[in-house]
C-alpha cells in the first residue's frame, strides 16, 4: 500500500505486511486515517495508520471478525455474534451491539456523530458515538 501526496501524486510512504502475512482488507475515510486488516499465522489484527506518514497509530487483535468499516467517527467491526464500534483515535471499544447480530446495520456518520440502530430486548435502540472523543450515548 502507498500513501500519495494529494497535490502531486508523489509517494509519501509505503506499507507492506510483514513477511508471511497478508492484508486482505482495507478501508479509508476523509483523510484522517487508513485502516488495514492484517492476518499473520492465523491471527487477525486491525491496524490504524496515519495517512500522511504511514506510521502506526494503534493495533487491535480481532479474533473471529467478518468485516470492518471506517467512517469519519468510528471503526466498526462485524463479528458473527455482535458488532463492535471502536474509537478511531485509540482503537478501544466505544460501543457493542449484540442483539442485532449477525445482521446489524452499518453505522452512519453526520454532524460529528456516528449512529447505529439496533434491537435490544425487543426495543429499538439508537447508539451514538461523538467523533474523536470516544463518548457513547
Protein backbone atom coordinates (compact mmCIF):
# COMPACT_ATOMS: atom_id res chain seq x y z
CA UNK A 1 0.00 0.00 0.00
CA UNK A 2 1.23 3.52 -0.75
CA UNK A 3 0.29 6.90 0.67
CA UNK A 4 0.28 9.54 -2.06
CA UNK A 5 0.58 13.31 -1.84
CA UNK A 6 -2.85 14.64 -2.88
CA UNK A 7 -1.35 17.63 -4.68
CA UNK A 8 1.46 15.99 -6.64
CA UNK A 9 0.66 12.28 -6.65
CA UNK A 10 4.17 11.56 -5.34
CA UNK A 11 4.59 8.62 -2.99
CA UNK A 12 4.87 9.77 0.66
CA UNK A 13 5.15 6.34 2.24
CA UNK A 14 4.83 2.61 1.61
CA UNK A 15 3.40 -0.08 3.89
CA UNK A 16 3.70 -3.82 3.45
CA UNK A 17 2.62 -6.55 5.83
CA UNK A 18 5.48 -8.49 7.43
CA UNK A 19 6.84 -11.49 5.52
CA UNK A 20 4.39 -14.38 5.60
CA UNK A 21 1.45 -12.12 6.46
CA UNK A 22 -1.38 -10.80 4.33
CA UNK A 23 -3.60 -7.72 4.24
CA UNK A 24 -6.95 -8.88 2.87
CA UNK A 25 -8.99 -5.81 3.88
CA UNK A 26 -8.55 -2.05 3.60
CA UNK A 27 -10.74 0.99 4.18
CA UNK A 28 -10.20 4.73 4.48
CA UNK A 29 -12.24 7.85 5.20
CA UNK A 30 -11.82 11.60 4.76
CA UNK A 31 -8.02 11.55 5.04
CA UNK A 32 -7.97 11.10 8.81
CA UNK A 33 -6.59 7.56 8.84
CA UNK A 34 -6.09 4.35 6.91
CA UNK A 35 -7.20 1.06 8.48
CA UNK A 36 -5.70 -2.26 7.40
CA UNK A 37 -6.78 -5.76 8.37
CA UNK A 38 -3.60 -7.83 8.63
CA UNK A 39 -3.50 -11.63 9.01
CA UNK A 40 -0.37 -13.36 10.32
CA UNK A 41 -0.18 -17.03 11.27
CA UNK A 42 -3.93 -17.24 11.85
CA UNK A 43 -4.08 -14.04 13.94
CA UNK A 44 -6.04 -11.06 12.60
CA UNK A 45 -5.05 -7.54 13.60
CA UNK A 46 -6.68 -4.23 12.70
CA UNK A 47 -4.03 -1.53 12.23
CA UNK A 48 -4.71 2.20 12.03
CA UNK A 49 -2.14 4.17 10.06
CA UNK A 50 -1.58 7.90 9.77
CA UNK A 51 -2.42 8.82 6.13
CA UNK A 52 0.30 11.47 5.97
CA UNK A 53 3.19 9.36 7.28
CA UNK A 54 2.08 5.72 7.19
CA UNK A 55 3.07 5.32 10.85
CA UNK A 56 1.01 3.02 13.02
CA UNK A 57 -1.38 4.78 15.42
CA UNK A 58 -2.78 1.66 17.07
CA UNK A 59 -3.31 -2.05 16.55
CA UNK A 60 -6.09 -4.29 17.78
CA UNK A 61 -6.35 -8.08 17.72
CA UNK A 62 -9.66 -9.14 16.16
CA UNK A 63 -10.48 -12.79 16.68
CA UNK A 64 -13.40 -14.03 14.60
CA UNK A 65 -14.13 -10.77 12.77
CA UNK A 66 -16.09 -10.93 9.49
CA UNK A 67 -15.77 -7.40 8.14
CA UNK A 68 -14.98 -3.84 9.16
CA UNK A 69 -15.77 -0.29 8.05
CA UNK A 70 -14.15 3.04 8.74
CA UNK A 71 -16.28 6.17 8.92
CA UNK A 72 -15.44 9.70 9.99
CA UNK A 73 -16.28 8.97 13.62
CA UNK A 74 -15.69 5.28 14.22
CA UNK A 75 -14.22 1.99 13.14
CA UNK A 76 -16.95 -0.67 13.11
CA UNK A 77 -16.13 -4.37 13.25
CA UNK A 78 -18.72 -7.05 12.45
CA UNK A 79 -18.42 -10.41 14.20
CA UNK A 80 -20.73 -13.42 13.95
CA UNK A 81 -22.40 -12.62 17.29
CA UNK A 82 -22.00 -8.85 17.68
CA UNK A 83 -20.91 -5.54 16.18
CA UNK A 84 -18.19 -3.52 17.92
CA UNK A 85 -17.74 0.21 17.39
CA UNK A 86 -14.18 1.35 18.11
CA UNK A 87 -12.92 4.85 18.87
CA UNK A 88 -10.85 5.68 15.76
CA UNK A 89 -8.29 7.63 17.81
CA UNK A 90 -7.44 4.78 20.20
CA UNK A 91 -8.90 1.53 18.88
CA UNK A 92 -10.71 0.98 22.19
CA UNK A 93 -14.30 -0.25 22.42
CA UNK A 94 -16.80 2.61 22.34
CA UNK A 95 -19.97 0.51 22.00
CA UNK A 96 -21.11 -3.07 21.35
CA UNK A 97 -24.31 -4.28 19.78
CA UNK A 98 -25.17 -7.92 20.33
CA UNK A 99 -28.90 -8.20 19.92
CA UNK A 100 -29.00 -7.43 16.20
CA UNK A 101 -26.13 -9.75 15.16
CA UNK A 102 -25.39 -11.05 12.63
CA UNK A 103 -27.49 -8.57 10.63
CA UNK A 104 -26.72 -5.27 12.43
CA UNK A 105 -26.90 -2.27 10.10
CA UNK A 106 -23.65 -0.42 9.43
CA UNK A 107 -23.47 2.93 11.24
CA UNK A 108 -23.77 6.31 9.55
CA UNK A 109 -21.80 9.46 10.37
CA UNK A 110 -23.00 13.07 10.28
CA UNK A 111 -22.54 16.24 12.29
CA UNK A 112 -19.71 14.85 14.41
CA UNK A 113 -21.66 11.75 15.45
CA UNK A 114 -21.64 8.14 14.32
CA UNK A 115 -25.01 6.49 14.87
CA UNK A 116 -26.15 2.87 14.60
CA UNK A 117 -29.62 1.47 15.15
CA UNK A 118 -30.24 -1.93 16.67
CA UNK A 119 -32.66 -4.00 18.70
CA UNK A 120 -32.26 -4.76 22.42
CA UNK A 121 -34.85 -6.66 24.44
CA UNK A 122 -37.39 -6.21 21.62
CA UNK A 123 -36.96 -2.41 21.62
CA UNK A 124 -35.29 -0.23 19.01
CA UNK A 125 -32.05 1.26 20.32
CA UNK A 126 -30.02 4.09 18.84
CA UNK A 127 -26.33 4.21 19.82
CA UNK A 128 -24.27 7.31 19.08
CA UNK A 129 -20.54 7.97 19.25
CA UNK A 130 -19.16 11.52 19.26
CA UNK A 131 -16.35 11.70 16.71
CA UNK A 132 -12.84 11.86 18.16
CA UNK A 133 -13.96 11.68 21.79
CA UNK A 134 -14.91 8.03 22.23
CA UNK A 135 -18.10 9.12 24.04
CA UNK A 136 -21.06 6.82 23.56
CA UNK A 137 -24.64 7.97 24.16
